[in-house]
Amino acid sequence: AGSLDTPNRLIYGDNLLAMAALLAGDDQTPSLRGTIDLIYIDPPFDSKADYRTKITLPGATVDQRPTVAEQFAYSDAWANGTASYLEMLTPRLVLMRELLADTGSIYVHLDWHVSPYIRIVLDDIFGGSNFVNEAIWTYFGFKRSTASNFPRKHDNIFIYRKAPGHYWRTQYRPHSPEYLKRFKRDESGRLYRGDVNPSGGGTRRIYLDDVAGDIVPSFWDDIPPVNPMAHERLDYGTQKPEQLLERIINASAPEGGLVADFFAGSGTTAATAERIGRRWITTDLGKPAAMITRKRLVDQNAKPFLYQAIGDYQVEQARSTLGRKFRVGELAQTVLSIYGALPLPPEENVNGSLGRLTGEKTLVYVDSPSRLTSTSTLKRAQGYRDSKLGGFDKVIVLGWNFSASIGHDLTALNDEMLDVRVIPPDLLDRLKKRGKENLAGNIRFSTLQYLEAHVASRVQNAHTEELEIVLDNYVLLSPDAISLAEEDRPAVIEVMNREPLALVEYWAVDPDYDGEVFRSTWQDYRGNTANDSDELRTVTRAHLTTAKRDGPRRVCVRAVDVFGFESEVVLDLPEVRP
């Protein structure tokens, strides 16, 4: 279902907002309502789960904790326990049903914590008559002794269809050795076994080469978990094996069909769909998850895909912290107060987002958490600076989420009286614990991360060009803006000062950047030993061959650091003259 021309998508952000956007569509992409062939989700269901990501740097290993937004969105250890978990998942399941094609199916992967409750919710949303199966995935491994119960070694996967007539393809697995012992050779050498003839009485011959295999039942004991030495292992806590997703996708999505996973995790669904010829959409709220998924897809030479970001979870967290009646303008005023700015008079204030620093002619503009701070935001801030209250000398923009090009955009504007600062991701958490009055003047709003690079050489041949791009420097956000354990901050600072490029997880080059869509033709990432043997660092020089261009050339270099922050630099090369 859906257009075969639509690119695959990896979306970073709240899946509720992502699904709403997919249903609504836009000028470039039509609505995907009723177009998805298969949805598989593996939502977090362990109330004691630790979703920290371990990051190994040269000379240090640190734990990146989930951001407060991620904890807010995914932790089921909320005040109301399981009830809150159901409140989170139920509206998302409703949207998933709207996205499913009439022939589509959904697989919901759970364990004993919440599966009985979710079964009732699924019956209500999809209808009890559309329940297809409960698959039991039992996995082997070390069994710890338990004093009062059998060891828990299985997960539950509920399968529902959108409506009668869903797509289905029976799955087979190899016959067991015990079954194969029942076969013998006939006079021509073919293997057969005798069996009762169910229609005419007597016996019949069943030939082994006429049987596709052993039909896979609803009890899956033949798929092991990802073992520590597996090539696909990514050291992501909730990673599922590709073999599991391959079975699900082959059973319920046709060739070329569209598969979606709205809790991407390590990206197993997208990676498997890509490998076996299905289109895919996947989303995750966690930056580490989005980064791991993107790197995994690049590693397997996936077709070009869209990487999109969607926000607004800070608004939801603010409602939790400040009360359900809270408005976005109130959040802006809270940030202004903590930054030390006084709000402008109401008649001059846009949604309560503007303030001024006392004793100087500096305007402060707090951007909305529901959008990315980008070049249009910066130009809007310049307009406010020049027009409000007769004009200010300087404007400072405080943002939550940023476009990858924000550093380049800021440089291109060449405005010394325009500054950009990052609102700490754990600001609302600190606010809830300590109160606004205790935070004013004690919170650091860090500068942006940015990348520096240059073109070292450009050699033109008859029809091609040889380019060498060199990374010069990477400046990370202040560690105060990253969710780290306090004991890990000194190690990160030491790497920042000693070897800043070691913080680059992935970087790519588009040698013909059009200013809108980034199309990578070269990339490297930590762990890739094709370009060098160092698993803890990327290479710092890119050598690539591209089509010859006599006119000016715009090269874009984009990087993602080990914490998931993205930045880019655009290099404009002049026309080559004979």
Protein backbone atom coordinates (compact mmCIF):
# COMPACT_ATOMS: atom_id res chain seq x y z
CA ALA A 1 0.00 0.00 0.00
CA GLY A 2 1.06 3.63 -0.43
CA SER A 3 3.22 5.15 -3.15
CA LEU A 4 6.29 3.15 -4.11
CA ASP A 5 8.07 6.46 -4.74
CA THR A 6 7.72 7.61 -1.13
CA PRO A 7 11.15 7.42 0.59
CA ASN A 8 11.64 5.44 3.76
CA ARG A 9 11.62 7.55 6.92
CA LEU A 10 13.38 7.63 10.26
CA ILE A 11 11.60 10.12 12.53
CA TYR A 12 13.11 11.39 15.78
CA GLY A 13 10.43 12.57 18.18
CA ASP A 14 7.22 11.66 19.95
CA ASN A 15 5.48 8.92 17.97
CA LEU A 16 2.05 10.36 18.81
CA LEU A 17 2.96 13.55 16.96
CA ALA A 18 4.69 11.60 14.19
CA MET A 19 1.62 9.45 13.55
CA ALA A 20 -0.65 12.49 13.59
CA ALA A 21 1.60 14.10 10.97
CA LEU A 22 1.60 10.93 8.83
CA LEU A 23 -2.21 10.88 8.95
CA ALA A 24 -2.51 14.56 8.07
CA GLY A 25 0.02 14.61 5.22
CA ASP A 26 1.39 17.82 3.71
CA ASP A 27 2.08 19.49 0.37
CA GLN A 28 4.96 17.12 -0.41
CA THR A 29 3.61 13.88 1.08
CA PRO A 30 -0.01 12.71 0.96
CA SER A 31 -1.71 11.27 4.02
CA LEU A 32 -0.69 7.71 4.83
CA ARG A 33 -4.10 6.86 6.29
CA GLY A 34 -4.98 3.28 5.39
CA THR A 35 -1.69 2.56 3.61
CA ILE A 36 0.57 0.66 6.04
CA ASP A 37 0.64 -3.11 5.50
CA LEU A 38 2.23 -4.11 8.80
CA ILE A 39 2.89 -2.43 12.12
CA TYR A 40 5.20 -4.05 14.66
CA ILE A 41 5.77 -2.35 18.00
CA ASP A 42 7.88 -3.36 20.97
CA PRO A 43 6.93 -0.67 23.50
CA PRO A 44 8.89 -0.45 26.76
CA PHE A 45 7.19 -2.58 29.35
CA ASP A 46 9.70 -3.15 32.15
CA SER A 47 9.00 -0.83 35.06
CA LYS A 48 12.60 -1.24 36.25
CA ALA A 49 14.20 -0.87 32.84
CA ASP A 50 17.40 1.14 32.56
CA TYR A 51 17.57 2.74 29.14
CA ARG A 52 21.03 4.27 29.54
CA THR A 53 23.39 4.02 26.61
CA LYS A 54 27.02 3.08 27.20
CA ILE A 55 29.44 5.17 25.10
CA THR A 56 33.07 4.15 24.70
CA LEU A 57 35.48 7.01 23.97
CA PRO A 58 39.26 6.93 23.64
CA GLY A 59 40.38 6.56 27.24
CA ALA A 60 36.90 6.64 28.82
CA THR A 61 33.55 4.89 28.96
CA VAL A 62 30.50 6.92 30.02
CA ASP A 63 26.77 6.33 30.43
CA GLN A 64 24.36 8.65 28.66
CA ARG A 65 21.15 8.78 30.61
CA PRO A 66 17.79 9.29 28.91
CA THR A 67 16.78 12.92 28.66
CA VAL A 68 13.97 14.03 30.90
CA ALA A 69 11.68 14.11 27.87
CA GLU A 70 12.54 10.49 27.10
CA GLN A 71 11.95 9.45 30.69
CA PHE A 72 8.66 11.31 30.71
CA ALA A 73 7.46 9.72 27.50
CA TYR A 74 8.64 6.13 27.96
CA SER A 75 9.02 5.27 31.62
CA ASP A 76 6.06 3.29 32.96
CA ALA A 77 7.13 4.01 36.55
CA TRP A 78 4.76 7.00 36.67
CA ALA A 79 2.66 8.10 39.57
CA ASN A 80 -0.27 5.93 38.45
CA GLY A 81 1.80 2.91 37.41
CA THR A 82 0.11 0.64 34.86
CA ALA A 83 -2.79 3.06 34.43
CA SER A 84 -0.38 5.71 33.16
CA TYR A 85 1.20 3.17 30.82
CA LEU A 86 -2.22 2.38 29.34
CA GLU A 87 -2.97 6.11 29.04
CA MET A 88 0.25 6.49 27.03
CA LEU A 89 -0.25 3.51 24.72
CA THR A 90 -4.01 3.61 24.04
CA PRO A 91 -4.20 6.79 21.90
CA ARG A 92 -1.16 5.62 19.97
CA LEU A 93 -2.85 2.31 19.15
CA VAL A 94 -5.90 4.23 17.92
CA LEU A 95 -3.73 6.17 15.46
CA MET A 96 -1.98 2.99 14.36
CA ARG A 97 -5.33 1.47 13.41
CA GLU A 98 -6.06 4.52 11.26
CA LEU A 99 -2.73 4.12 9.47
CA LEU A 100 -3.20 0.40 8.76
CA ALA A 101 -4.43 -0.73 5.33
CA ASP A 102 -7.66 -2.76 5.29
CA THR A 103 -5.48 -5.81 4.60
CA GLY A 104 -2.98 -4.81 7.28
CA SER A 105 -1.98 -6.38 10.59
CA ILE A 106 -0.40 -5.19 13.83
CA TYR A 107 1.97 -7.17 16.07
CA VAL A 108 2.29 -5.89 19.65
CA HIS A 109 5.31 -7.34 21.48
CA LEU A 110 4.98 -7.44 25.30
CA ASP A 111 5.88 -9.49 28.33
CA TRP A 112 4.13 -10.46 31.55
CA HIS A 113 4.13 -6.97 33.05
CA VAL A 114 1.27 -5.53 31.02
CA SER A 115 0.15 -8.09 28.42
CA PRO A 116 -3.22 -8.93 30.09
CA TYR A 117 -4.20 -5.26 30.17
CA ILE A 118 -3.07 -4.51 26.61
CA ARG A 119 -5.05 -7.50 25.28
CA ILE A 120 -8.24 -5.85 26.57
CA VAL A 121 -7.26 -2.51 25.00
CA LEU A 122 -6.51 -4.17 21.66
CA ASP A 123 -9.87 -5.97 21.69
CA ASP A 124 -11.57 -2.63 22.27
CA ILE A 125 -9.70 -0.76 19.50
CA PHE A 126 -9.46 -3.46 16.82
CA GLY A 127 -12.43 -5.61 17.83
CA GLY A 128 -12.22 -9.03 19.44
CA SER A 129 -13.22 -10.67 16.16
CA ASN A 130 -10.05 -9.27 14.56
CA PHE A 131 -7.75 -11.04 16.99
CA VAL A 132 -5.61 -13.38 14.85
CA ASN A 133 -3.09 -15.05 17.15
CA GLU A 134 -0.98 -14.81 20.23
CA ALA A 135 2.55 -15.84 19.32
CA ILE A 136 4.81 -16.96 22.15
CA TRP A 137 8.48 -16.24 21.60
CA THR A 138 10.46 -18.38 24.02
CA TYR A 139 14.17 -17.77 24.19
CA PHE A 140 16.82 -19.93 25.71
CA GLY A 141 19.79 -18.89 27.77
CA PHE A 142 21.04 -19.04 31.33
CA LYS A 143 18.21 -19.80 33.76
CA ARG A 144 18.64 -18.24 37.17
CA SER A 145 17.31 -20.17 40.13
CA THR A 146 14.08 -18.68 41.44
CA ALA A 147 12.69 -19.35 44.90
CA SER A 148 8.99 -19.01 44.16
CA ASN A 149 8.30 -19.27 40.41
CA PHE A 150 9.40 -20.80 37.11
CA PRO A 151 12.07 -18.74 35.28
CA ARG A 152 10.48 -16.26 32.88
CA LYS A 153 11.80 -17.07 29.40
CA HIS A 154 9.16 -15.91 26.93
CA ASP A 155 7.45 -12.83 25.49
CA ASN A 156 3.88 -12.43 24.23
CA ILE A 157 3.17 -11.08 20.74
CA PHE A 158 -0.47 -10.18 20.08
CA ILE A 159 -1.50 -10.21 16.41
CA TYR A 160 -4.58 -8.29 15.21
CA ARG A 161 -5.88 -7.53 11.73
CA LYS A 162 -7.56 -4.31 10.60
CA ALA A 163 -10.43 -6.24 9.01
CA PRO A 164 -11.24 -9.69 7.56
CA GLY A 165 -9.18 -10.52 4.48
CA HIS A 166 -5.80 -9.53 5.90
CA TYR A 167 -2.63 -10.42 4.01
CA TRP A 168 -1.10 -13.68 5.17
CA ARG A 169 1.70 -15.90 3.93
CA THR A 170 2.29 -19.17 5.76
CA GLN A 171 5.81 -19.50 7.15
CA TYR A 172 7.89 -22.66 7.20
CA ARG A 173 10.97 -23.79 9.05
CA PRO A 174 13.29 -26.78 8.46
CA HIS A 175 11.98 -30.20 9.46
CA SER A 176 13.28 -31.66 12.70
CA PRO A 177 15.79 -34.53 12.57
CA GLU A 178 13.18 -36.79 14.21
CA TYR A 179 10.70 -36.09 11.42
CA LEU A 180 13.29 -36.68 8.69
CA LYS A 181 14.05 -40.15 10.14
CA ARG A 182 10.59 -41.23 9.02
CA PHE A 183 11.53 -40.91 5.33
CA LYS A 184 13.01 -43.58 3.08
CA ARG A 185 13.94 -43.71 -0.60
CA ASP A 186 11.72 -45.09 -3.33
CA GLU A 187 12.90 -46.94 -6.44
CA SER A 188 13.97 -43.63 -8.06
CA GLY A 189 15.84 -42.37 -5.01
CA ARG A 190 13.24 -39.79 -3.82
CA LEU A 191 12.61 -39.53 -0.11
CA TYR A 192 9.07 -40.34 1.01
CA ARG A 193 7.06 -41.53 3.97
CA GLY A 194 3.84 -43.42 4.16
CA ASP A 195 0.73 -41.80 5.61
CA VAL A 196 -2.97 -42.50 5.95
CA ASN A 197 -4.97 -41.28 2.95
CA PRO A 198 -7.57 -38.95 4.53
CA SER A 199 -9.93 -39.04 1.55
CA GLY A 200 -9.90 -42.52 0.00
CA GLY A 201 -8.69 -44.75 2.78
CA GLY A 202 -5.57 -46.86 2.65
CA THR A 203 -2.15 -45.24 2.55
CA ARG A 204 -0.41 -42.64 0.43
CA ARG A 205 3.13 -41.48 -0.18
CA ILE A 206 4.24 -38.02 0.94
CA TYR A 207 7.47 -36.94 -0.78
CA LEU A 208 9.89 -34.71 1.09
CA ASP A 209 10.57 -32.49 -1.91
CA ASP A 210 6.84 -31.74 -2.19
CA VAL A 211 6.71 -30.33 1.34
CA ALA A 212 7.83 -26.71 1.84
CA GLY A 213 8.90 -27.41 5.40
CA ASP A 214 7.42 -27.58 8.85
CA ILE A 215 4.63 -24.99 9.19
CA VAL A 216 5.58 -22.45 11.86
CA PRO A 217 3.08 -22.62 14.77
CA SER A 218 2.28 -19.89 17.28
CA PHE A 219 4.96 -21.17 19.67
CA TRP A 220 8.38 -19.91 18.52
CA ASP A 221 11.23 -21.74 20.18
CA ASP A 222 13.62 -21.69 17.22
CA ILE A 223 14.76 -18.03 17.33
CA PRO A 224 17.48 -17.23 19.86
CA PRO A 225 18.01 -13.75 21.33
CA VAL A 226 20.87 -11.65 19.97
CA ASN A 227 24.01 -13.31 21.29
CA PRO A 228 27.02 -11.29 22.49
CA MET A 229 29.12 -12.19 19.43
CA ALA A 230 26.45 -11.69 16.76
CA HIS A 231 27.30 -9.39 13.85
CA GLU A 232 23.98 -7.58 14.31
CA ARG A 233 24.52 -6.93 18.04
CA LEU A 234 24.54 -3.21 18.90
CA ASP A 235 24.69 -3.38 22.73
CA TYR A 236 21.21 -1.85 22.87
CA GLY A 237 19.33 -3.20 25.87
CA THR A 238 16.01 -4.11 24.21
CA GLN A 239 17.39 -5.22 20.81
CA LYS A 240 15.40 -7.99 19.12
CA PRO A 241 16.93 -10.45 16.62
CA GLU A 242 16.47 -9.82 12.90
CA GLN A 243 15.31 -13.42 12.47
CA LEU A 244 12.26 -12.63 14.61
CA LEU A 245 11.32 -9.60 12.52
CA GLU A 246 12.02 -11.44 9.28
CA ARG A 247 9.41 -14.06 10.20
CA ILE A 248 6.85 -11.41 11.10
CA ILE A 249 7.44 -9.29 8.00
CA ASN A 250 7.43 -12.24 5.59
CA ALA A 251 4.15 -13.47 7.09
CA SER A 252 2.22 -10.20 7.08
CA ALA A 253 3.73 -7.74 4.56
CA PRO A 254 3.80 -8.36 0.79
CA GLU A 255 6.92 -7.77 -1.32
CA GLY A 256 7.43 -4.02 -1.60
CA GLY A 257 4.86 -3.44 1.16
CA LEU A 258 5.07 -0.73 3.81
CA VAL A 259 6.17 -1.68 7.35
CA ALA A 260 6.10 0.64 10.36
CA ASP A 261 7.62 0.48 13.84
CA PHE A 262 6.80 3.40 16.13
CA PHE A 263 9.16 2.33 18.94
CA ALA A 264 12.31 1.89 16.85
CA GLY A 265 14.79 1.03 19.59
CA SER A 266 17.89 -0.28 17.83
CA GLY A 267 16.21 -0.19 14.39
CA THR A 268 15.78 -3.94 13.87
CA THR A 269 12.44 -3.58 12.07
CA ALA A 270 13.71 -0.98 9.60
CA ALA A 271 16.98 -2.84 9.01
CA THR A 272 15.18 -6.13 8.37
CA ALA A 273 12.52 -4.55 6.15
CA GLU A 274 15.25 -2.87 4.10
CA ARG A 275 17.16 -6.12 3.71
CA ILE A 276 14.19 -8.23 2.54
CA GLY A 277 12.64 -5.72 0.17
CA ARG A 278 9.96 -3.84 2.10
CA ARG A 279 9.53 -0.11 2.56
CA TRP A 280 9.55 1.23 6.10
CA ILE A 281 8.78 4.04 8.53
CA THR A 282 10.23 4.06 12.02
CA THR A 283 10.19 6.54 14.91
CA ASP A 284 11.74 6.89 18.34
CA LEU A 285 11.83 9.60 20.98
CA GLY A 286 15.33 8.69 22.12
CA LYS A 287 18.25 10.43 20.42
CA PRO A 288 20.56 7.44 21.00
CA ALA A 289 17.96 5.13 19.43
CA ALA A 290 17.56 7.39 16.39
CA MET A 291 21.33 7.67 16.00
CA ILE A 292 21.92 3.90 16.37
CA THR A 293 19.17 3.19 13.83
CA ARG A 294 20.55 5.68 11.31
CA LYS A 295 24.08 4.34 11.67
CA ARG A 296 22.84 0.75 11.35
CA LEU A 297 20.99 1.53 8.10
CA VAL A 298 23.97 3.37 6.63
CA ASP A 299 26.19 0.43 7.59
CA GLN A 300 24.05 -1.96 5.53
CA ASN A 301 24.01 0.40 2.52
CA ALA A 302 20.31 1.19 2.80
CA LYS A 303 18.67 3.17 0.05
CA PRO A 304 18.51 6.95 0.74
CA PHE A 305 15.92 7.69 3.43
CA LEU A 306 14.48 10.76 5.11
CA TYR A 307 15.62 11.67 8.61
CA GLN A 308 13.03 13.94 10.20
CA ALA A 309 12.55 15.47 13.64
CA ILE A 310 9.31 16.30 15.38
CA GLY A 311 9.01 17.82 18.84
CA ASP A 312 6.51 19.16 21.39
CA TYR A 313 7.24 16.68 24.19
CA GLN A 314 8.65 19.53 26.28
CA VAL A 315 5.14 20.98 26.23
CA GLU A 316 3.71 17.76 27.63
CA GLN A 317 6.38 17.62 30.28
CA ALA A 318 5.69 21.24 31.17
CA ARG A 319 2.03 20.36 31.68
CA SER A 320 3.14 17.62 34.03
CA THR A 321 5.44 20.01 35.91
CA LEU A 322 3.40 23.24 35.84
CA GLY A 323 -0.15 21.86 35.68
CA ARG A 324 -2.51 20.75 32.92
CA LYS A 325 -3.84 24.30 32.45
CA PHE A 326 -0.39 25.56 31.56
CA ARG A 327 0.10 27.45 28.26
CA VAL A 328 3.19 27.59 26.06
CA GLY A 329 3.61 31.30 26.87
CA GLU A 330 3.91 30.42 30.54
CA LEU A 331 6.83 28.10 29.76
CA ALA A 332 8.56 30.92 27.85
CA GLN A 333 8.07 33.29 30.77
CA THR A 334 9.47 30.66 33.15
CA VAL A 335 12.58 30.27 30.96
CA LEU A 336 12.98 34.07 30.74
CA SER A 337 12.82 34.34 34.53
CA ILE A 338 15.43 31.61 35.04
CA TYR A 339 17.69 33.25 32.43
CA GLY A 340 17.40 36.53 34.35
CA ALA A 341 15.28 38.48 31.85
CA LEU A 342 12.21 40.62 32.58
CA PRO A 343 9.20 40.12 30.27
CA LEU A 344 8.31 42.89 27.82
CA PRO A 345 4.98 44.67 28.30
CA PRO A 346 2.02 42.51 27.12
CA GLU A 347 1.29 44.75 24.14
CA GLU A 348 4.87 44.23 22.88
CA ASN A 349 5.21 40.58 23.84
CA VAL A 350 4.66 37.80 21.28
CA ASN A 351 3.08 34.83 23.13
CA GLY A 352 5.00 35.89 26.23
CA SER A 353 8.28 34.85 24.56
CA LEU A 354 10.17 38.17 24.73
CA GLY A 355 12.14 39.64 27.59
CA ARG A 356 15.01 42.05 28.25
CA LEU A 357 18.11 41.97 30.42
CA THR A 358 18.23 44.69 33.04
CA GLY A 359 20.94 47.30 32.73
CA GLU A 360 21.61 46.66 29.01
CA LYS A 361 19.76 46.92 25.71
CA THR A 362 19.57 43.17 25.10
CA LEU A 363 16.42 41.39 23.96
CA VAL A 364 15.87 37.73 24.87
CA TYR A 365 13.62 35.56 22.67
CA VAL A 366 12.50 32.09 23.86
CA ASP A 367 11.60 29.86 20.92
CA SER A 368 8.71 27.40 21.06
CA PRO A 369 9.50 23.82 22.07
CA SER A 370 7.11 22.60 19.36
CA ARG A 371 9.45 23.51 16.49
CA LEU A 372 13.10 23.48 15.49
CA THR A 373 15.06 26.69 15.94
CA SER A 374 16.28 27.45 12.41
CA THR A 375 17.35 30.30 10.14
CA SER A 376 13.77 31.62 9.98
CA THR A 377 13.78 31.81 13.81
CA LEU A 378 17.01 33.81 13.75
CA LYS A 379 15.64 36.27 11.17
CA ARG A 380 12.46 36.65 13.21
CA ALA A 381 14.58 37.42 16.29
CA GLN A 382 16.52 40.06 14.32
CA GLY A 383 13.21 41.68 13.39
CA TYR A 384 12.08 41.77 17.01
CA ARG A 385 15.42 43.28 18.05
CA ASP A 386 15.08 46.12 15.56
CA SER A 387 11.39 46.86 16.14
CA LYS A 388 10.40 46.26 19.76
CA LEU A 389 10.40 49.23 22.15
CA GLY A 390 12.34 51.40 19.74
CA GLY A 391 14.97 48.76 19.11
CA PHE A 392 17.61 46.85 21.07
CA ASP A 393 21.36 46.53 20.52
CA LYS A 394 21.47 42.72 20.75
CA VAL A 395 19.15 39.71 20.75
CA ILE A 396 19.72 36.31 22.38
CA VAL A 397 17.68 33.34 21.13
CA LEU A 398 17.02 30.52 23.61
CA GLY A 399 16.01 27.27 21.87
CA TRP A 400 15.01 23.72 22.78
CA ASN A 401 15.58 21.85 19.50
CA PHE A 402 17.71 22.96 16.56
CA SER A 403 17.99 22.31 12.84
CA ALA A 404 21.24 20.63 11.82
CA SER A 405 22.25 23.74 9.88
CA ILE A 406 21.78 26.20 12.74
CA GLY A 407 25.53 26.78 13.22
CA HIS A 408 26.03 27.46 9.53
CA ASP A 409 22.93 29.67 9.45
CA LEU A 410 24.20 31.73 12.35
CA THR A 411 27.57 32.20 10.65
CA ALA A 412 25.96 33.10 7.33
CA LEU A 413 23.93 35.90 8.92
CA ASN A 414 27.21 37.46 10.08
CA ASP A 415 25.50 39.33 12.89
CA GLU A 416 27.63 39.92 15.99
CA MET A 417 24.58 41.19 17.82
CA LEU A 418 22.74 37.86 17.44
CA ASP A 419 23.50 35.02 19.85
CA VAL A 420 21.97 31.55 20.27
CA ARG A 421 21.87 29.53 23.47
CA VAL A 422 20.63 26.04 24.31
CA ILE A 423 17.95 25.55 26.96
CA PRO A 424 19.18 22.68 29.19
CA PRO A 425 17.22 19.50 28.42
CA ASP A 426 16.72 18.78 32.12
CA LEU A 427 15.51 22.30 32.95
CA LEU A 428 11.94 21.23 33.72
CA ASP A 429 13.15 18.37 35.88
CA ARG A 430 15.28 20.77 37.91
CA LEU A 431 12.35 23.16 38.06
CA LYS A 432 10.10 20.48 39.49
CA LYS A 433 12.67 19.49 42.13
CA ARG A 434 13.98 22.91 43.18
CA GLY A 435 11.52 25.60 42.08
CA LYS A 436 12.01 28.61 39.82
CA GLU A 437 13.29 30.91 42.54
CA ASN A 438 16.19 28.58 43.38
CA LEU A 439 17.24 28.16 39.75
CA ALA A 440 17.48 31.79 38.61
CA GLY A 441 21.12 32.59 37.88
CA ASN A 442 22.25 29.00 38.60
CA ILE A 443 21.46 27.39 35.24
CA ARG A 444 23.93 27.44 32.37
CA PHE A 445 22.50 28.01 28.88
CA SER A 446 25.30 26.62 26.71
CA THR A 447 26.43 27.71 23.27
CA LEU A 448 25.67 25.60 20.20
CA GLN A 449 27.77 22.67 19.07
CA TYR A 450 29.41 23.30 15.73
CA LEU A 451 31.61 21.66 13.12
CA GLU A 452 34.61 23.04 11.23
CA ALA A 453 35.84 21.56 7.93
CA HIS A 454 37.51 22.60 4.68
CA VAL A 455 38.12 21.32 1.17
CA ALA A 456 41.79 20.34 1.02
CA SER A 457 41.88 19.62 -2.70
CA ARG A 458 39.70 19.68 -5.80
CA VAL A 459 41.07 17.99 -8.91
CA GLN A 460 39.07 17.98 -12.14
CA ASN A 461 39.38 15.28 -14.80
CA ALA A 462 37.57 14.98 -18.11
CA HIS A 463 34.22 14.02 -16.59
CA THR A 464 34.78 13.74 -12.84
CA GLU A 465 36.15 15.63 -9.85
CA GLU A 466 38.27 14.30 -6.99
CA LEU A 467 37.47 16.03 -3.69
CA GLU A 468 39.26 15.77 -0.37
CA ILE A 469 37.26 17.05 2.62
CA VAL A 470 38.99 17.45 6.00
CA LEU A 471 37.37 17.75 9.42
CA ASP A 472 39.19 20.43 11.41
CA ASN A 473 37.36 20.69 14.71
CA TYR A 474 34.19 19.82 16.55
CA VAL A 475 32.92 21.87 19.47
CA LEU A 476 30.47 19.98 21.65
CA LEU A 477 27.68 21.47 23.69
CA SER A 478 28.61 22.11 27.27
CA PRO A 479 28.42 18.82 29.21
CA ASP A 480 25.80 20.60 31.33
CA ALA A 481 23.44 20.25 28.36
CA ILE A 482 23.90 16.47 28.13
CA SER A 483 22.26 13.88 30.34
CA LEU A 484 25.34 12.42 31.99
CA ALA A 485 26.09 11.03 35.39
CA GLU A 486 28.04 13.63 37.35
CA GLU A 487 31.01 11.29 37.71
CA ASP A 488 31.25 10.99 33.89
CA ARG A 489 31.40 14.71 33.11
CA PRO A 490 35.14 15.17 33.80
CA ALA A 491 35.97 12.32 31.38
CA VAL A 492 33.88 13.91 28.63
CA ILE A 493 35.48 17.32 29.24
CA GLU A 494 38.93 15.73 29.05
CA VAL A 495 38.14 14.18 25.63
CA MET A 496 36.62 17.49 24.46
CA ASN A 497 39.84 19.28 25.24
CA ARG A 498 42.31 16.60 24.17
CA GLU A 499 40.71 15.17 21.03
CA PRO A 500 37.41 16.85 20.07
CA LEU A 501 37.01 14.94 16.78
CA ALA A 502 36.88 11.70 18.79
CA LEU A 503 33.37 12.80 19.80
CA VAL A 504 32.13 12.49 16.20
CA GLU A 505 30.07 9.31 15.85
CA TYR A 506 29.19 9.67 12.19
CA TRP A 507 29.82 12.14 9.39
CA ALA A 508 28.80 12.33 5.77
CA VAL A 509 29.35 14.50 2.69
CA ASP A 510 26.94 15.78 0.04
CA PRO A 511 29.12 17.26 -2.74
CA ASP A 512 26.14 18.83 -4.56
CA TYR A 513 24.04 20.27 -1.73
CA ASP A 514 20.91 22.07 -2.93
CA GLY A 515 20.28 23.78 0.40
CA GLU A 516 17.26 21.64 1.24
CA VAL A 517 17.77 17.86 0.99
CA PHE A 518 21.02 16.30 2.20
CA ARG A 519 22.08 13.44 -0.08
CA SER A 520 25.07 11.60 1.29
CA THR A 521 27.52 10.10 -1.19
CA TRP A 522 30.27 9.37 1.36
CA GLN A 523 30.13 8.57 5.06
CA ASP A 524 32.18 7.13 7.87
CA TYR A 525 31.31 6.20 11.44
CA ARG A 526 32.93 4.84 14.56
CA GLY A 527 33.22 1.09 14.36
CA ASN A 528 33.64 1.11 10.58
CA THR A 529 36.97 -0.54 9.81
CA ALA A 530 36.63 -0.27 6.03
CA ASN A 531 38.32 3.15 6.02
CA ASP A 532 40.80 2.46 8.84
CA SER A 533 41.33 0.00 11.68
CA ASP A 534 40.33 2.34 14.53
CA GLU A 535 36.91 1.41 15.93
CA LEU A 536 36.80 4.34 18.38
CA ARG A 537 37.31 7.13 15.85
CA THR A 538 36.09 8.12 12.45
CA VAL A 539 38.58 9.08 9.77
CA THR A 540 39.01 12.83 9.46
CA ARG A 541 39.59 12.97 5.69
CA ALA A 542 37.06 12.03 3.05
CA HIS A 543 38.16 11.21 -0.49
CA LEU A 544 35.33 11.08 -3.00
CA THR A 545 34.76 11.14 -6.74
CA THR A 546 31.78 12.99 -8.17
CA ALA A 547 30.55 14.30 -11.50
CA LYS A 548 32.48 17.26 -12.85
CA ARG A 549 30.98 20.70 -12.27
CA ASP A 550 32.54 23.72 -13.96
CA GLY A 551 30.40 26.23 -12.09
CA PRO A 552 30.31 26.88 -8.34
CA ARG A 553 29.89 23.84 -6.11
CA ARG A 554 28.26 23.72 -2.69
CA VAL A 555 29.51 20.94 -0.41
CA CYS A 556 27.67 20.09 2.82
CA VAL A 557 29.35 18.17 5.64
CA ARG A 558 27.02 16.81 8.31
CA ALA A 559 28.08 15.15 11.57
CA VAL A 560 26.38 13.46 14.52
CA ASP A 561 28.26 13.25 17.79
CA VAL A 562 28.27 10.33 20.22
CA PHE A 563 25.42 11.91 22.19
CA GLY A 564 23.17 12.29 19.15
CA PHE A 565 23.60 16.03 18.52
CA GLU A 566 23.75 16.97 14.87
CA SER A 567 25.61 19.79 13.13
CA GLU A 568 26.69 20.72 9.63
CA VAL A 569 28.93 23.08 7.73
CA VAL A 570 28.41 24.25 4.14
CA LEU A 571 31.48 24.89 1.99
CA ASP A 572 30.98 27.04 -1.12
CA LEU A 573 33.57 26.38 -3.83
CA PRO A 574 34.03 28.98 -6.56
CA GLU A 575 33.71 28.30 -10.26
CA VAL A 576 36.76 26.57 -11.73
CA ARG A 577 38.33 28.68 -14.44
CA PRO A 578 40.56 27.19 -17.14
